Protein backbone atom coordinates (compact mmCIF):
# COMPACT_ATOMS: atom_id res chain seq x y z
CA UNK A 1 -0.11 -0.06 -0.03
CA UNK A 2 1.24 3.54 -0.98
CA UNK A 3 -0.13 6.27 1.02
CA UNK A 4 -1.00 9.50 -0.47
CA UNK A 5 0.27 12.37 1.52
CA UNK A 6 -1.35 16.26 1.05
CA UNK A 7 0.91 18.99 2.72
CA UNK A 8 -0.81 22.53 3.06
CA UNK A 9 2.46 24.84 3.10
CA UNK A 10 5.81 24.66 1.16
CA UNK A 11 7.91 27.29 2.76
CA UNK A 12 10.39 26.43 5.71
CA UNK A 13 8.18 23.09 7.26
CA UNK A 14 6.99 22.40 3.91
CA UNK A 15 10.63 21.73 2.67
CA UNK A 16 11.75 20.14 5.98
CA UNK A 17 8.76 17.34 5.63
CA UNK A 18 9.26 17.12 1.93
CA UNK A 19 12.91 16.04 2.52
CA UNK A 20 11.81 13.56 5.04
CA UNK A 21 9.47 12.08 2.63
CA UNK A 22 11.94 11.51 -0.24
CA UNK A 23 14.73 10.21 2.51
CA UNK A 24 11.98 7.43 3.94
CA UNK A 25 12.64 4.68 1.47
CA UNK A 26 16.42 5.02 1.28
CA UNK A 27 16.72 4.84 5.24
CA UNK A 28 13.61 3.46 6.42
CA UNK A 29 12.46 0.94 3.91
CA UNK A 30 10.23 -0.77 6.73
CA UNK A 31 8.16 2.33 6.89
CA UNK A 32 5.13 2.58 4.67
CA UNK A 33 5.50 3.82 0.93
CA UNK A 34 4.63 7.31 0.41
CA UNK A 35 3.72 9.63 -2.84
CA UNK A 36 4.38 13.08 -2.24
CA UNK A 37 0.72 13.46 -3.78
CA UNK A 38 -0.33 17.03 -3.65
CA UNK A 39 1.22 20.35 -2.64
CA UNK A 40 -1.19 23.09 -1.28
CA UNK A 41 -0.89 26.88 -1.42
CA UNK A 42 -2.36 30.10 -2.33
CA UNK A 43 0.12 31.67 -5.03
CA UNK A 44 -0.50 29.36 -8.15
CA UNK A 45 3.02 30.44 -9.62
CA UNK A 46 5.24 29.89 -6.43
CA UNK A 47 3.22 26.76 -5.73
CA UNK A 48 4.22 25.17 -9.11
CA UNK A 49 7.52 25.78 -8.57
CA UNK A 50 7.60 24.39 -5.32
CA UNK A 51 5.97 21.31 -6.07
CA UNK A 52 8.50 20.68 -9.04
CA UNK A 53 11.33 21.24 -6.55
CA UNK A 54 10.02 19.10 -3.85
CA UNK A 55 8.55 16.12 -5.66
CA UNK A 56 4.68 16.75 -5.35
CA UNK A 57 2.60 15.08 -8.18
CA UNK A 58 -0.08 17.69 -8.33
CA UNK A 59 -0.90 21.30 -6.73
CA UNK A 60 -4.12 22.60 -5.36
CA UNK A 61 -5.21 26.04 -4.08
CA UNK A 62 -7.68 25.23 -2.07
CA UNK A 63 -7.34 22.73 0.73
CA UNK A 64 -11.05 21.74 0.96
CA UNK A 65 -10.25 19.73 -2.70
CA UNK A 66 -7.85 17.38 -1.29
CA UNK A 67 -8.56 16.35 2.63
CA UNK A 68 -10.66 13.63 1.60
CA UNK A 69 -8.62 12.44 -1.29
CA UNK A 70 -5.01 11.99 0.44
CA UNK A 71 -4.09 9.27 3.16
CA UNK A 72 -2.49 11.62 5.52
CA UNK A 73 -2.85 15.45 5.48
CA UNK A 74 0.31 17.50 6.84
CA UNK A 75 -1.05 21.17 7.92
CA UNK A 76 2.15 22.95 7.96
CA UNK A 77 0.37 26.56 7.53
CA UNK A 78 0.64 29.49 9.93
CA UNK A 79 -1.11 28.85 13.25
CA UNK A 80 -4.20 30.69 12.38
CA UNK A 81 -5.01 28.38 9.68
CA UNK A 82 -4.42 24.85 11.81
CA UNK A 83 -7.72 24.41 13.25
CA UNK A 84 -10.31 24.74 10.36
CA UNK A 85 -8.31 22.56 7.53
CA UNK A 86 -7.12 19.98 10.10
CA UNK A 87 -10.64 19.55 11.49
CA UNK A 88 -12.41 19.29 7.90
CA UNK A 89 -9.48 16.55 7.17
CA UNK A 90 -10.64 14.87 10.55
CA UNK A 91 -14.40 14.78 9.74
CA UNK A 92 -13.70 13.35 6.20
CA UNK A 93 -11.50 10.50 8.26
CA UNK A 94 -7.97 11.56 7.13
CA UNK A 95 -5.23 11.24 9.96
CA UNK A 96 -3.75 14.61 10.12
CA UNK A 97 0.06 15.94 11.23
CA UNK A 98 -0.29 19.83 12.23
CA UNK A 99 2.47 22.13 13.05
CA UNK A 100 3.26 23.30 16.34
CA UNK A 101 1.98 25.00 18.50
CA UNK A 102 -1.10 23.02 18.12
CA UNK A 103 -3.52 26.45 17.37
CA UNK A 104 -3.11 29.91 17.66
CA UNK A 105 -5.46 29.89 20.74
CA UNK A 106 -6.68 27.17 23.45
CA UNK A 107 -10.44 27.07 22.18
CA UNK A 108 -8.90 26.37 18.53
CA UNK A 109 -6.72 23.71 20.44
CA UNK A 110 -9.59 22.07 22.08
CA UNK A 111 -11.54 21.74 19.12
CA UNK A 112 -8.83 19.97 17.27
CA UNK A 113 -8.43 17.56 20.14
CA UNK A 114 -12.30 17.00 19.95
CA UNK A 115 -12.52 16.34 16.46
CA UNK A 116 -9.39 13.96 16.68
CA UNK A 117 -10.99 12.11 19.61
CA UNK A 118 -14.45 11.88 17.52
CA UNK A 119 -12.39 10.72 14.27
CA UNK A 120 -10.30 7.85 15.82
CA UNK A 121 -7.45 8.26 13.32
CA UNK A 122 -3.91 8.98 14.10
CA UNK A 123 -2.86 12.38 14.73
CA UNK A 124 0.46 14.36 15.30
CA UNK A 125 1.88 17.75 16.67
CA UNK A 126 5.00 18.24 15.15
CA UNK A 127 7.34 18.41 18.12
CA UNK A 128 9.95 16.92 15.85
CA UNK A 129 12.64 17.35 18.93
CA UNK A 130 11.13 14.33 20.53
CA UNK A 131 12.63 12.37 17.66
CA UNK A 132 16.37 13.46 18.32
CA UNK A 133 18.42 10.45 19.27
CA UNK A 134 20.28 12.12 22.30
CA UNK A 135 16.42 13.02 23.55
CA UNK A 136 15.24 9.16 23.42
CA UNK A 137 18.69 8.18 25.44
CA UNK A 138 17.84 10.87 27.69
CA UNK A 139 14.57 9.36 28.28
CA UNK A 140 15.57 5.92 28.67
CA UNK A 141 18.25 7.06 31.47
CA UNK A 142 15.46 8.70 33.34
CA UNK A 143 12.82 5.86 33.08
CA UNK A 144 15.24 3.45 34.02
CA UNK A 145 15.77 5.37 37.08
CA UNK A 146 19.62 6.62 36.35
CA UNK A 147 19.16 10.26 37.62
CA UNK A 148 17.11 9.01 40.97
CA UNK A 149 14.21 10.89 41.97
CA UNK A 150 14.05 14.12 39.64
CA UNK A 151 14.30 17.79 41.35
CA UNK A 152 14.79 20.10 38.30
CA UNK A 153 14.05 20.65 34.74
CA UNK A 154 15.29 23.72 33.20
CA UNK A 155 14.55 24.40 29.58
CA UNK A 156 15.66 27.43 27.48
CA UNK A 157 15.23 28.08 23.53
CA UNK A 158 17.29 31.47 22.47
CA UNK A 159 17.57 32.65 18.88
CA UNK A 160 18.61 36.38 17.72
CA UNK A 161 16.62 36.92 14.23
CA UNK A 162 14.85 39.75 15.41
CA UNK A 163 17.04 42.01 17.58
CA UNK A 164 17.36 44.48 14.54
CA UNK A 165 14.19 46.20 14.95
CA UNK A 166 14.41 46.99 11.24
CA UNK A 167 14.17 43.31 10.78
CA UNK A 168 10.77 43.23 8.75
CA UNK A 169 7.32 42.25 9.99
CA UNK A 170 5.66 39.09 9.27
CA UNK A 171 3.12 36.87 10.52
CA UNK A 172 4.74 35.83 13.58
CA UNK A 173 4.67 39.15 14.79
CA UNK A 174 0.78 39.36 15.17
CA UNK A 175 -1.20 37.57 17.63
CA UNK A 176 -4.22 36.82 15.47
CA UNK A 177 -2.09 34.70 12.96
CA UNK A 178 0.61 33.78 15.65
CA UNK A 179 -1.45 33.41 18.78
CA UNK A 180 2.11 34.26 20.73
CA UNK A 181 5.55 34.72 19.81
CA UNK A 182 8.92 33.33 21.40
CA UNK A 183 6.32 31.54 23.74
CA UNK A 184 4.22 29.56 21.29
CA UNK A 185 6.83 29.40 18.76
CA UNK A 186 9.90 28.29 20.74
CA UNK A 187 8.44 27.61 24.47
CA UNK A 188 5.98 24.95 22.70
CA UNK A 189 9.17 22.82 22.20
CA UNK A 190 10.59 23.16 25.50
CA UNK A 191 7.36 22.31 27.26
CA UNK A 192 6.79 19.38 25.10
CA UNK A 193 10.47 18.13 25.83
CA UNK A 194 9.57 18.65 29.69
CA UNK A 195 6.09 16.73 29.42
CA UNK A 196 8.08 13.78 27.49
CA UNK A 197 11.18 13.39 29.80
CA UNK A 198 9.54 14.40 33.26
CA UNK A 199 5.93 15.21 33.21
CA UNK A 200 2.76 17.29 33.03
CA UNK A 201 2.97 21.16 33.98
CA UNK A 202 0.45 21.63 36.62
CA UNK A 203 1.16 25.17 37.43
CA UNK A 204 3.04 28.31 36.17
CA UNK A 205 4.34 32.06 36.53
CA UNK A 206 4.69 33.79 33.49
CA UNK A 207 6.50 36.90 32.32
CA UNK A 208 6.37 38.28 28.91
CA UNK A 209 7.72 41.19 27.17
CA UNK A 210 7.82 42.67 23.73
CA UNK A 211 10.95 45.02 23.07
CA UNK A 212 9.94 46.52 19.38
CA UNK A 213 6.32 47.72 19.22
CA UNK A 214 6.50 48.24 15.52
CA UNK A 215 8.19 46.76 12.40
CA UNK A 216 8.70 47.89 8.73
CA UNK A 217 6.58 46.05 6.02
CA UNK A 218 8.95 44.88 3.87
CA UNK A 219 8.95 46.42 -0.04
CA UNK A 220 6.75 49.03 1.65
CA UNK A 221 8.54 52.27 1.80
CA UNK A 222 7.86 53.75 5.29
CA UNK A 223 5.21 51.67 6.31
CA UNK A 224 5.01 49.91 9.33
CA UNK A 225 2.96 47.35 11.13
CA UNK A 226 2.61 46.54 15.05
CA UNK A 227 4.08 43.71 16.53
CA UNK A 228 1.27 42.12 18.97
CA UNK A 229 2.93 39.05 20.33
CA UNK A 230 6.08 38.48 23.24
CA UNK A 231 9.66 38.87 21.72
CA UNK A 232 10.63 36.87 25.00
CA UNK A 233 8.95 35.00 27.88
CA UNK A 234 10.51 33.01 31.18
CA UNK A 235 8.14 30.91 33.54
CA UNK A 236 8.52 29.30 36.87
CA UNK A 237 6.70 25.84 36.79
CA UNK A 238 5.68 22.95 38.84
CA UNK A 239 5.66 19.57 36.96
CA UNK A 240 3.70 16.46 38.31
CA UNK A 241 5.91 14.78 41.14
CA UNK A 242 6.53 18.14 42.81
CA UNK A 243 9.30 18.82 39.93
CA UNK A 244 10.42 22.33 39.73
CA UNK A 245 10.92 23.86 36.64
CA UNK A 246 11.86 26.93 34.67
CA UNK A 247 11.22 27.85 31.10
CA UNK A 248 12.56 30.63 28.83
CA UNK A 249 12.63 31.76 24.85
CA UNK A 250 13.97 34.67 23.35
CA UNK A 251 14.04 35.71 19.93
CA UNK A 252 16.23 38.69 21.12
CA UNK A 253 19.18 36.77 22.54
CA UNK A 254 22.27 38.05 20.43
CA UNK A 255 24.75 35.44 19.52
CA UNK A 256 21.96 32.50 19.56
CA UNK A 257 20.96 31.26 16.40
CA UNK A 258 18.93 28.04 17.50
CA UNK A 259 20.05 26.98 21.07
CA UNK A 260 17.64 24.80 22.56
CA UNK A 261 18.68 23.62 25.74
CA UNK A 262 17.56 21.52 28.66
CA UNK A 263 18.79 20.12 31.93
CA UNK A 264 17.29 17.67 34.01
CA UNK A 265 18.63 17.34 37.39
CA UNK A 266 17.96 14.25 39.77
CA UNK A 267 19.05 12.92 43.47
CA UNK A 268 21.47 10.75 41.72
CA UNK A 269 22.62 12.13 38.65
CA UNK A 270 21.87 15.07 35.76
CA UNK A 271 21.65 15.43 32.16
CA UNK A 272 22.19 18.13 29.71
CA UNK A 273 21.49 18.89 25.83
CA UNK A 274 21.63 21.30 23.48
CA UNK A 275 20.07 21.33 20.20
CA UNK A 276 23.16 22.89 18.72
CA UNK A 277 25.17 19.79 19.43
CA UNK A 278 22.19 17.25 19.03
CA UNK A 279 24.35 14.20 18.86
CA UNK A 280 25.64 14.69 22.27
CA UNK A 281 24.25 14.23 25.72
CA UNK A 282 26.10 15.36 28.91
CA UNK A 283 25.49 12.88 31.63
CA UNK A 284 26.56 12.97 35.72
CA UNK A 285 26.27 9.79 37.49
CA UNK A 286 25.97 9.56 41.12
CA UNK A 287 29.81 8.50 41.87
CA UNK A 288 31.33 11.24 39.08
CA UNK A 289 33.31 14.23 39.88
CA UNK A 290 31.95 15.70 36.26
CA UNK A 291 29.56 15.56 33.36
CA UNK A 292 30.66 12.75 30.90
CA UNK A 293 30.18 13.52 26.93
CA UNK A 294 28.11 10.63 25.23
CA UNK A 295 28.01 10.73 21.74
CA UNK A 296 25.08 9.59 20.71
CA UNK A 297 25.64 7.68 17.47
CA UNK A 298 26.20 4.16 18.47
CA UNK A 299 24.05 1.42 16.25
CA UNK A 300 22.51 0.47 19.25
CA UNK A 301 21.30 4.03 20.18
CA UNK A 302 17.42 5.22 19.23
CA UNK A 303 17.13 5.34 15.24
CA UNK A 304 21.09 5.22 14.62
CA UNK A 305 21.11 1.98 12.95
CA UNK A 306 19.14 3.62 10.02
CA UNK A 307 22.10 5.83 9.10
CA UNK A 308 25.91 5.88 9.19
CA UNK A 309 28.82 4.06 11.36
CA UNK A 310 29.45 5.43 14.96
CA UNK A 311 30.49 8.40 14.97
CA UNK A 312 29.30 9.89 11.72
CA UNK A 313 26.96 12.29 13.09
CA UNK A 314 23.24 13.03 11.81
CA UNK A 315 21.54 16.81 11.72
CA UNK A 316 18.57 18.60 12.35
CA UNK A 317 16.73 17.39 9.25
CA UNK A 318 17.18 13.86 10.16
CA UNK A 319 14.60 14.51 13.22
CA UNK A 320 11.65 15.03 10.62
CA UNK A 321 12.73 11.43 8.95
CA UNK A 322 12.37 9.72 12.33
CA UNK A 323 9.24 11.48 13.28
CA UNK A 324 7.69 11.00 9.59
CA UNK A 325 8.62 7.18 9.81
CA UNK A 326 6.78 6.70 13.18
CA UNK A 327 3.48 8.70 12.37
CA UNK A 328 3.19 7.33 8.68
CA UNK A 329 3.84 3.80 10.42
CA UNK A 330 1.02 4.48 12.50
CA UNK A 331 -1.53 5.54 9.84
CA UNK A 332 -0.60 2.37 7.97
CA UNK A 333 -1.16 0.36 10.62
CA UNK A 334 -4.09 2.36 11.95
CA UNK A 335 -2.83 2.32 15.41
CA UNK A 336 -3.71 4.87 18.33
CA UNK A 337 -0.39 4.93 19.94
CA UNK A 338 1.27 7.49 18.01
CA UNK A 339 2.64 10.36 20.34
CA UNK A 340 3.32 13.32 20.20
CA UNK A 341 -0.75 13.53 19.12
CA UNK A 342 -3.11 16.23 19.22
CA UNK A 343 -3.75 15.60 23.07
CA UNK A 344 -0.40 16.19 23.28
CA UNK A 345 -0.30 19.27 21.56
CA UNK A 346 -3.36 20.31 23.65
CA UNK A 347 -1.54 19.82 26.83
CA UNK A 348 1.41 22.07 25.61
CA UNK A 349 -1.51 24.76 24.37
CA UNK A 350 -3.03 24.74 27.94
CA UNK A 351 0.66 25.55 29.68
CA UNK A 352 1.05 28.37 27.03
CA UNK A 353 -2.22 29.91 27.50
CA UNK A 354 -1.57 29.72 31.66
CA UNK A 355 1.72 31.52 31.06
CA UNK A 356 -0.09 34.27 29.35
CA UNK A 357 -2.77 34.27 31.86
CA UNK A 358 -0.24 34.44 34.57
CA UNK A 359 1.66 37.36 32.92
CA UNK A 360 -1.73 39.24 32.60
CA UNK A 361 -2.89 38.71 36.01
CA UNK A 362 0.47 38.65 37.84
CA UNK A 363 0.20 35.65 40.08
CA UNK A 364 0.83 31.97 39.47
CA UNK A 365 -2.02 29.87 37.62
CA UNK A 366 -3.32 26.29 37.62
CA UNK A 367 -2.79 24.61 34.27
CA UNK A 368 -6.06 23.38 33.22
């Protein structure tokens, strides 16, 4: 059986997933066969060019035409268009992978999760960092009790692409389209890893800041648009099991390009991970005087047997291959055990909403 995949969106994430779909038969031959069936977008000329480059057989300018004719629908558009096409696809019985955060507001995320529950088909929220081999290795250590009782989770995601106040306005700077700024775009990843590695977020105390209130419109001399989302956020949190947590993200952290770093500290050990060194995990064991750098590239490490000999590192784009292999296998086998699904996406959305509410109220907020 060959799965027909329809993809809405052909820019950053469209390229990442198209590349992953193309790599599957080379490196994951046990994954289902896939046809890049249809690419969806609004600009017909740009769409046709993208379809040629990314290997799609057809194009469509209206997602309504395709959601019931594909075996899996990938919604990789801006946050404000996650809900309607995804819900329509689910109502047609089509499995859906949606970019993160699940939606641009909690109400839409709840509607998407409800549609997923009713449809009874596999869904995915695209938290690709769960599929980094070093993160899977870290999860195994934690589950095996190597760190003892977990006390702390620390996570930060720092970028600097908006430091320049003359950097152009985009949909990511608009609350109606994006929902939030660094909080949803970057913080969603950190919160998902906290849930994946340690446990659910139970309550939060958040702080959001916007440093530049308006930005120039690209190609429009002298025109600006307001920035209505946060440029940076920080939060204290309590995870299940009384684990203390801190979260932070910024698009204004000069010198940081894509610095996603997490730490987990336990009674018998600790670990540290940085996305900028994604093949490595720093591990401190109880009887050690310092951290050991574990190069997570051995054949026995998660996913690595599909790639190269030990020490031959993989990259950021490979996480999407792992994600696609897992999700499409669940689709082909009609399994309901794939994670992160829409319910995981909703759990993260609830934490994001609580952080925003906490900032507005100036007090701790329970994650409901």
